[in-house]
PDB file of N, CA and C in Angstrom:
ATOM      1  N   UNK A   1     -56.417 -38.335  75.880  1.00  0.00           N
ATOM      2  CA  UNK A   1     -55.352 -39.085  75.297  1.00  0.00           C
ATOM      3  C   UNK A   1     -55.719 -39.303  73.847  1.00  0.00           C
ATOM      4  N   UNK A   2     -54.829 -38.951  72.893  1.00  0.00           N
ATOM      5  CA  UNK A   2     -55.039 -39.190  71.459  1.00  0.00           C
ATOM      6  C   UNK A   2     -53.972 -40.147  70.959  1.00  0.00           C
ATOM      7  N   UNK A   3     -54.409 -41.111  70.169  1.00  0.00           N
ATOM      8  CA  UNK A   3     -53.486 -42.047  69.542  1.00  0.00           C
ATOM      9  C   UNK A   3     -53.143 -41.521  68.152  1.00  0.00           C
ATOM     10  N   UNK A   4     -51.955 -40.978  68.005  1.00  0.00           N
ATOM     11  CA  UNK A   4     -51.493 -40.485  66.707  1.00  0.00           C
ATOM     12  C   UNK A   4     -50.750 -41.556  65.914  1.00  0.00           C
ATOM     13  N   UNK A   5     -50.700 -42.778  66.446  1.00  0.00           N
ATOM     14  CA  UNK A   5     -49.988 -43.870  65.787  1.00  0.00           C
ATOM     15  C   UNK A   5     -50.843 -44.579  64.752  1.00  0.00           C
ATOM     16  N   UNK A   6     -50.335 -45.718  64.288  1.00  0.00           N
ATOM     17  CA  UNK A   6     -51.027 -46.486  63.249  1.00  0.00           C
ATOM     18  C   UNK A   6     -51.637 -47.782  63.769  1.00  0.00           C
ATOM     19  N   UNK A   7     -51.415 -48.114  65.042  1.00  0.00           N
ATOM     20  CA  UNK A   7     -52.013 -49.306  65.648  1.00  0.00           C
ATOM     21  C   UNK A   7     -52.709 -48.921  66.950  1.00  0.00           C
ATOM     22  N   UNK A   8     -53.660 -49.740  67.360  1.00  0.00           N
ATOM     23  CA  UNK A   8     -54.406 -49.467  68.591  1.00  0.00           C
ATOM     24  C   UNK A   8     -53.517 -49.646  69.822  1.00  0.00           C
ATOM     25  N   UNK A   9     -53.795 -48.883  70.850  1.00  0.00           N
ATOM     26  CA  UNK A   9     -53.104 -49.045  72.131  1.00  0.00           C
ATOM     27  C   UNK A   9     -53.793 -50.148  72.933  1.00  0.00           C
ATOM     28  N   UNK A  10     -53.095 -50.674  73.924  1.00  0.00           N
ATOM     29  CA  UNK A  10     -53.682 -51.631  74.867  1.00  0.00           C
ATOM     30  C   UNK A  10     -53.960 -50.946  76.209  1.00  0.00           C
ATOM     31  N   UNK A  11     -53.298 -49.842  76.441  1.00  0.00           N
ATOM     32  CA  UNK A  11     -53.456 -49.109  77.686  1.00  0.00           C
ATOM     33  C   UNK A  11     -52.721 -47.786  77.602  1.00  0.00           C
ATOM     34  N   UNK A  12     -52.975 -46.903  78.568  1.00  0.00           N
ATOM     35  CA  UNK A  12     -52.306 -45.605  78.568  1.00  0.00           C
ATOM     36  C   UNK A  12     -52.114 -45.114  79.999  1.00  0.00           C
ATOM     37  N   UNK A  13     -51.173 -44.191  80.134  1.00  0.00           N
ATOM     38  CA  UNK A  13     -50.858 -43.553  81.412  1.00  0.00           C
ATOM     39  C   UNK A  13     -50.615 -42.077  81.169  1.00  0.00           C
ATOM     40  N   UNK A  14     -51.152 -41.245  82.029  1.00  0.00           N
ATOM     41  CA  UNK A  14     -50.883 -39.804  82.001  1.00  0.00           C
ATOM     42  C   UNK A  14     -50.357 -39.419  83.373  1.00  0.00           C
ATOM     43  N   UNK A  15     -49.232 -38.714  83.404  1.00  0.00           N
ATOM     44  CA  UNK A  15     -48.692 -38.184  84.657  1.00  0.00           C
ATOM     45  C   UNK A  15     -48.847 -36.669  84.636  1.00  0.00           C
ATOM     46  N   UNK A  16     -49.428 -36.156  85.698  1.00  0.00           N
ATOM     47  CA  UNK A  16     -49.630 -34.716  85.854  1.00  0.00           C
ATOM     48  C   UNK A  16     -48.784 -34.254  87.028  1.00  0.00           C
ATOM     49  N   UNK A  17     -47.964 -33.249  86.806  1.00  0.00           N
ATOM     50  CA  UNK A  17     -47.140 -32.701  87.876  1.00  0.00           C
ATOM     51  C   UNK A  17     -47.658 -31.310  88.208  1.00  0.00           C
ATOM     52  N   UNK A  18     -48.110 -31.147  89.441  1.00  0.00           N
ATOM     53  CA  UNK A  18     -48.671 -29.879  89.896  1.00  0.00           C
ATOM     54  C   UNK A  18     -47.625 -29.071  90.644  1.00  0.00           C
ATOM     55  N   UNK A  19     -47.758 -27.756  90.592  1.00  0.00           N
ATOM     56  CA  UNK A  19     -46.783 -26.866  91.220  1.00  0.00           C
ATOM     57  C   UNK A  19     -47.250 -26.302  92.561  1.00  0.00           C
ATOM     58  N   UNK A  20     -48.554 -26.373  92.853  1.00  0.00           N
ATOM     59  CA  UNK A  20     -49.072 -25.636  93.998  1.00  0.00           C
ATOM     60  C   UNK A  20     -49.854 -26.480  94.994  1.00  0.00           C
ATOM     61  N   UNK A  21     -49.518 -27.752  95.152  1.00  0.00           N
ATOM     62  CA  UNK A  21     -50.149 -28.579  96.172  1.00  0.00           C
ATOM     63  C   UNK A  21     -51.569 -29.020  95.871  1.00  0.00           C
ATOM     64  N   UNK A  22     -51.975 -29.017  94.620  1.00  0.00           N
ATOM     65  CA  UNK A  22     -53.312 -29.471  94.267  1.00  0.00           C
ATOM     66  C   UNK A  22     -53.486 -30.945  94.638  1.00  0.00           C
ATOM     67  N   UNK A  23     -54.712 -31.304  95.022  1.00  0.00           N
ATOM     68  CA  UNK A  23     -55.041 -32.678  95.405  1.00  0.00           C
ATOM     69  C   UNK A  23     -56.246 -33.146  94.595  1.00  0.00           C
ATOM     70  N   UNK A  24     -56.122 -34.285  93.926  1.00  0.00           N
ATOM     71  CA  UNK A  24     -57.255 -34.867  93.211  1.00  0.00           C
ATOM     72  C   UNK A  24     -58.164 -35.529  94.236  1.00  0.00           C
ATOM     73  N   UNK A  25     -59.479 -35.252  94.127  1.00  0.00           N
ATOM     74  CA  UNK A  25     -60.455 -35.803  95.058  1.00  0.00           C
ATOM     75  C   UNK A  25     -61.337 -36.879  94.437  1.00  0.00           C
ATOM     76  N   UNK A  26     -61.658 -36.738  93.157  1.00  0.00           N
ATOM     77  CA  UNK A  26     -62.498 -37.703  92.441  1.00  0.00           C
ATOM     78  C   UNK A  26     -62.018 -37.795  91.008  1.00  0.00           C
ATOM     79  N   UNK A  27     -62.240 -38.964  90.375  1.00  0.00           N
ATOM     80  CA  UNK A  27     -61.855 -39.134  88.975  1.00  0.00           C
ATOM     81  C   UNK A  27     -62.840 -40.059  88.287  1.00  0.00           C
ATOM     82  N   UNK A  28     -63.062 -39.814  86.997  1.00  0.00           N
ATOM     83  CA  UNK A  28     -63.858 -40.710  86.162  1.00  0.00           C
ATOM     84  C   UNK A  28     -63.118 -40.924  84.847  1.00  0.00           C
ATOM     85  N   UNK A  29     -63.314 -42.074  84.250  1.00  0.00           N
ATOM     86  CA  UNK A  29     -62.641 -42.401  82.994  1.00  0.00           C
ATOM     87  C   UNK A  29     -61.223 -42.906  83.172  1.00  0.00           C
ATOM     88  N   UNK A  30     -60.814 -43.150  84.412  1.00  0.00           N
ATOM     89  CA  UNK A  30     -59.472 -43.641  84.700  1.00  0.00           C
ATOM     90  C   UNK A  30     -59.317 -43.895  86.186  1.00  0.00           C
ATOM     91  N   UNK A  31     -58.192 -44.460  86.557  1.00  0.00           N
ATOM     92  CA  UNK A  31     -57.836 -44.671  87.960  1.00  0.00           C
ATOM     93  C   UNK A  31     -56.608 -43.826  88.259  1.00  0.00           C
ATOM     94  N   UNK A  32     -56.475 -43.362  89.493  1.00  0.00           N
ATOM     95  CA  UNK A  32     -55.334 -42.501  89.808  1.00  0.00           C
ATOM     96  C   UNK A  32     -54.694 -42.861  91.132  1.00  0.00           C
ATOM     97  N   UNK A  33     -53.418 -42.499  91.218  1.00  0.00           N
ATOM     98  CA  UNK A  33     -52.683 -42.474  92.473  1.00  0.00           C
ATOM     99  C   UNK A  33     -52.019 -41.109  92.542  1.00  0.00           C
ATOM    100  N   UNK A  34     -51.804 -40.610  93.740  1.00  0.00           N
ATOM    101  CA  UNK A  34     -51.116 -39.332  93.899  1.00  0.00           C
ATOM    102  C   UNK A  34     -50.025 -39.486  94.927  1.00  0.00           C
ATOM    103  N   UNK A  35     -48.831 -39.042  94.555  1.00  0.00           N
ATOM    104  CA  UNK A  35     -47.686 -39.035  95.449  1.00  0.00           C
ATOM    105  C   UNK A  35     -47.100 -37.635  95.420  1.00  0.00           C
ATOM    106  N   UNK A  36     -47.337 -36.879  96.479  1.00  0.00           N
ATOM    107  CA  UNK A  36     -46.869 -35.497  96.508  1.00  0.00           C
ATOM    108  C   UNK A  36     -47.528 -34.689  95.408  1.00  0.00           C
ATOM    109  N   UNK A  37     -46.726 -34.084  94.549  1.00  0.00           N
ATOM    110  CA  UNK A  37     -47.251 -33.220  93.495  1.00  0.00           C
ATOM    111  C   UNK A  37     -47.554 -33.967  92.198  1.00  0.00           C
ATOM    112  N   UNK A  38     -47.296 -35.285  92.155  1.00  0.00           N
ATOM    113  CA  UNK A  38     -47.480 -36.049  90.922  1.00  0.00           C
ATOM    114  C   UNK A  38     -48.708 -36.946  91.008  1.00  0.00           C
ATOM    115  N   UNK A  39     -49.595 -36.796  90.020  1.00  0.00           N
ATOM    116  CA  UNK A  39     -50.776 -37.645  89.884  1.00  0.00           C
ATOM    117  C   UNK A  39     -50.540 -38.555  88.686  1.00  0.00           C
ATOM    118  N   UNK A  40     -50.697 -39.862  88.884  1.00  0.00           N
ATOM    119  CA  UNK A  40     -50.556 -40.832  87.800  1.00  0.00           C
ATOM    120  C   UNK A  40     -51.932 -41.403  87.498  1.00  0.00           C
ATOM    121  N   UNK A  41     -52.375 -41.225  86.258  1.00  0.00           N
ATOM    122  CA  UNK A  41     -53.684 -41.693  85.807  1.00  0.00           C
ATOM    123  C   UNK A  41     -53.472 -42.845  84.836  1.00  0.00           C
ATOM    124  N   UNK A  42     -54.179 -43.951  85.042  1.00  0.00           N
ATOM    125  CA  UNK A  42     -54.158 -45.066  84.094  1.00  0.00           C
ATOM    126  C   UNK A  42     -55.571 -45.279  83.574  1.00  0.00           C
ATOM    127  N   UNK A  43     -55.641 -45.898  82.405  1.00  0.00           N
ATOM    128  CA  UNK A  43     -56.940 -46.101  81.772  1.00  0.00           C
ATOM    129  C   UNK A  43     -57.882 -46.915  82.648  1.00  0.00           C
ATOM    130  N   UNK A  44     -59.171 -46.700  82.431  1.00  0.00           N
ATOM    131  CA  UNK A  44     -60.196 -47.553  83.028  1.00  0.00           C
ATOM    132  C   UNK A  44     -60.248 -48.843  82.213  1.00  0.00           C
ATOM    133  N   UNK A  45     -60.949 -49.847  82.702  1.00  0.00           N
ATOM    134  CA  UNK A  45     -61.028 -51.111  81.990  1.00  0.00           C
ATOM    135  C   UNK A  45     -61.641 -51.005  80.606  1.00  0.00           C
ATOM    136  N   UNK A  46     -62.483 -50.008  80.398  1.00  0.00           N
ATOM    137  CA  UNK A  46     -63.214 -49.887  79.142  1.00  0.00           C
ATOM    138  C   UNK A  46     -62.586 -48.946  78.117  1.00  0.00           C
ATOM    139  N   UNK A  47     -61.517 -48.201  78.466  1.00  0.00           N
ATOM    140  CA  UNK A  47     -61.006 -47.217  77.503  1.00  0.00           C
ATOM    141  C   UNK A  47     -59.494 -47.292  77.280  1.00  0.00           C
ATOM    142  N   UNK A  48     -58.906 -48.444  77.535  1.00  0.00           N
ATOM    143  CA  UNK A  48     -57.468 -48.597  77.308  1.00  0.00           C
ATOM    144  C   UNK A  48     -57.107 -48.767  75.845  1.00  0.00           C
ATOM    145  N   UNK A  49     -57.982 -49.423  75.086  1.00  0.00           N
ATOM    146  CA  UNK A  49     -57.730 -49.631  73.657  1.00  0.00           C
ATOM    147  C   UNK A  49     -58.189 -48.394  72.893  1.00  0.00           C
ATOM    148  N   UNK A  50     -57.230 -47.689  72.308  1.00  0.00           N
ATOM    149  CA  UNK A  50     -57.531 -46.488  71.525  1.00  0.00           C
ATOM    150  C   UNK A  50     -57.050 -46.745  70.108  1.00  0.00           C
ATOM    151  N   UNK A  51     -57.965 -46.727  69.158  1.00  0.00           N
ATOM    152  CA  UNK A  51     -57.601 -46.943  67.760  1.00  0.00           C
ATOM    153  C   UNK A  51     -56.815 -45.771  67.200  1.00  0.00           C
ATOM    154  N   UNK A  52     -56.201 -45.952  66.023  1.00  0.00           N
ATOM    155  CA  UNK A  52     -55.470 -44.862  65.372  1.00  0.00           C
ATOM    156  C   UNK A  52     -56.378 -43.640  65.178  1.00  0.00           C
ATOM    157  N   UNK A  53     -55.860 -42.462  65.490  1.00  0.00           N
ATOM    158  CA  UNK A  53     -56.574 -41.182  65.377  1.00  0.00           C
ATOM    159  C   UNK A  53     -57.813 -41.095  66.255  1.00  0.00           C
ATOM    160  N   UNK A  54     -57.916 -41.945  67.264  1.00  0.00           N
ATOM    161  CA  UNK A  54     -59.038 -41.912  68.196  1.00  0.00           C
ATOM    162  C   UNK A  54     -58.561 -41.360  69.540  1.00  0.00           C
ATOM    163  N   UNK A  55     -59.511 -41.098  70.425  1.00  0.00           N
ATOM    164  CA  UNK A  55     -59.183 -40.517  71.725  1.00  0.00           C
ATOM    165  C   UNK A  55     -59.884 -41.261  72.858  1.00  0.00           C
ATOM    166  N   UNK A  56     -59.365 -41.086  74.049  1.00  0.00           N
ATOM    167  CA  UNK A  56     -60.010 -41.492  75.294  1.00  0.00           C
ATOM    168  C   UNK A  56     -59.906 -40.292  76.231  1.00  0.00           C
ATOM    169  N   UNK A  57     -60.893 -40.123  77.083  1.00  0.00           N
ATOM    170  CA  UNK A  57     -60.883 -38.978  77.986  1.00  0.00           C
ATOM    171  C   UNK A  57     -61.068 -39.430  79.430  1.00  0.00           C
ATOM    172  N   UNK A  58     -60.635 -38.574  80.341  1.00  0.00           N
ATOM    173  CA  UNK A  58     -60.903 -38.744  81.759  1.00  0.00           C
ATOM    174  C   UNK A  58     -61.133 -37.358  82.329  1.00  0.00           C
ATOM    175  N   UNK A  59     -61.722 -37.310  83.495  1.00  0.00           N
ATOM    176  CA  UNK A  59     -61.952 -36.039  84.163  1.00  0.00           C
ATOM    177  C   UNK A  59     -61.747 -36.204  85.652  1.00  0.00           C
ATOM    178  N   UNK A  60     -61.603 -35.082  86.340  1.00  0.00           N
ATOM    179  CA  UNK A  60     -61.399 -35.163  87.780  1.00  0.00           C
ATOM    180  C   UNK A  60     -61.815 -33.874  88.458  1.00  0.00           C
ATOM    181  N   UNK A  61     -62.005 -33.988  89.755  1.00  0.00           N
ATOM    182  CA  UNK A  61     -62.260 -32.847  90.630  1.00  0.00           C
ATOM    183  C   UNK A  61     -61.075 -32.766  91.573  1.00  0.00           C
ATOM    184  N   UNK A  62     -60.534 -31.569  91.732  1.00  0.00           N
ATOM    185  CA  UNK A  62     -59.362 -31.376  92.588  1.00  0.00           C
ATOM    186  C   UNK A  62     -59.588 -30.187  93.515  1.00  0.00           C
ATOM    187  N   UNK A  63     -58.768 -30.099  94.539  1.00  0.00           N
ATOM    188  CA  UNK A  63     -58.815 -28.969  95.466  1.00  0.00           C
ATOM    189  C   UNK A  63     -57.425 -28.368  95.592  1.00  0.00           C
ATOM    190  N   UNK A  64     -57.379 -27.105  96.009  1.00  0.00           N
ATOM    191  CA  UNK A  64     -56.115 -26.408  96.167  1.00  0.00           C
ATOM    192  C   UNK A  64     -56.312 -25.198  97.056  1.00  0.00           C
ATOM    193  N   UNK A  65     -55.217 -24.663  97.515  1.00  0.00           N
ATOM    194  CA  UNK A  65     -55.200 -23.419  98.266  1.00  0.00           C
ATOM    195  C   UNK A  65     -54.236 -22.487  97.556  1.00  0.00           C
ATOM    196  N   UNK A  66     -54.621 -21.238  97.365  1.00  0.00           N
ATOM    197  CA  UNK A  66     -53.742 -20.292  96.678  1.00  0.00           C
ATOM    198  C   UNK A  66     -53.920 -20.375  95.175  1.00  0.00           C
ATOM    199  N   UNK A  67     -52.830 -20.243  94.440  1.00  0.00           N
ATOM    200  CA  UNK A  67     -52.911 -20.244  92.976  1.00  0.00           C
ATOM    201  C   UNK A  67     -53.122 -21.658  92.445  1.00  0.00           C
ATOM    202  N   UNK A  68     -53.683 -21.742  91.246  1.00  0.00           N
ATOM    203  CA  UNK A  68     -54.000 -23.030  90.622  1.00  0.00           C
ATOM    204  C   UNK A  68     -53.319 -23.100  89.259  1.00  0.00           C
ATOM    205  N   UNK A  69     -52.021 -23.287  89.273  1.00  0.00           N
ATOM    206  CA  UNK A  69     -51.241 -23.374  88.045  1.00  0.00           C
ATOM    207  C   UNK A  69     -51.578 -24.671  87.320  1.00  0.00           C
ATOM    208  N   UNK A  70     -51.719 -24.604  85.996  1.00  0.00           N
ATOM    209  CA  UNK A  70     -52.018 -25.803  85.200  1.00  0.00           C
ATOM    210  C   UNK A  70     -50.883 -26.817  85.336  1.00  0.00           C
ATOM    211  N   UNK A  71     -51.221 -28.116  85.370  1.00  0.00           N
ATOM    212  CA  UNK A  71     -50.194 -29.150  85.501  1.00  0.00           C
ATOM    213  C   UNK A  71     -49.421 -29.355  84.205  1.00  0.00           C
ATOM    214  N   UNK A  72     -48.279 -29.990  84.329  1.00  0.00           N
ATOM    215  CA  UNK A  72     -47.483 -30.393  83.176  1.00  0.00           C
ATOM    216  C   UNK A  72     -47.768 -31.869  82.915  1.00  0.00           C
ATOM    217  N   UNK A  73     -48.427 -32.229  81.780  1.00  0.00           N
ATOM    218  CA  UNK A  73     -48.742 -33.637  81.529  1.00  0.00           C
ATOM    219  C   UNK A  73     -47.645 -34.368  80.758  1.00  0.00           C
ATOM    220  N   UNK A  74     -47.504 -35.661  81.034  1.00  0.00           N
ATOM    221  CA  UNK A  74     -46.659 -36.573  80.270  1.00  0.00           C
ATOM    222  C   UNK A  74     -47.521 -37.782  79.940  1.00  0.00           C
ATOM    223  N   UNK A  75     -47.649 -38.129  78.662  1.00  0.00           N
ATOM    224  CA  UNK A  75     -48.535 -39.207  78.228  1.00  0.00           C
ATOM    225  C   UNK A  75     -47.736 -40.346  77.611  1.00  0.00           C
ATOM    226  N   UNK A  76     -48.102 -41.590  77.958  1.00  0.00           N
ATOM    227  CA  UNK A  76     -47.493 -42.770  77.344  1.00  0.00           C
ATOM    228  C   UNK A  76     -48.588 -43.778  77.031  1.00  0.00           C
ATOM    229  N   UNK A  77     -48.360 -44.579  76.009  1.00  0.00           N
ATOM    230  CA  UNK A  77     -49.302 -45.632  75.621  1.00  0.00           C
ATOM    231  C   UNK A  77     -48.553 -46.943  75.501  1.00  0.00           C
ATOM    232  N   UNK A  78     -49.285 -48.039  75.670  1.00  0.00           N
ATOM    233  CA  UNK A  78     -48.678 -49.359  75.509  1.00  0.00           C
ATOM    234  C   UNK A  78     -49.507 -50.185  74.552  1.00  0.00           C
TER     235      UNK A  78
END
């Protein structure tokens, strides 16, 4: 997540929409919920505030069967 704005964020959310039934198994740097093909990631307690031109990162381990098409992300900050 990159803050391209001029003020710090208080929190952020990333939604990932998968096409091939991928399942997130573990995550670090954020918390997640998964409903069907959509994974919603929210900031961890320590990385919600992102200053201007700064970044926060998260990572995860996922599983799938068949092809592994890259997800379509949607990012929002508050």
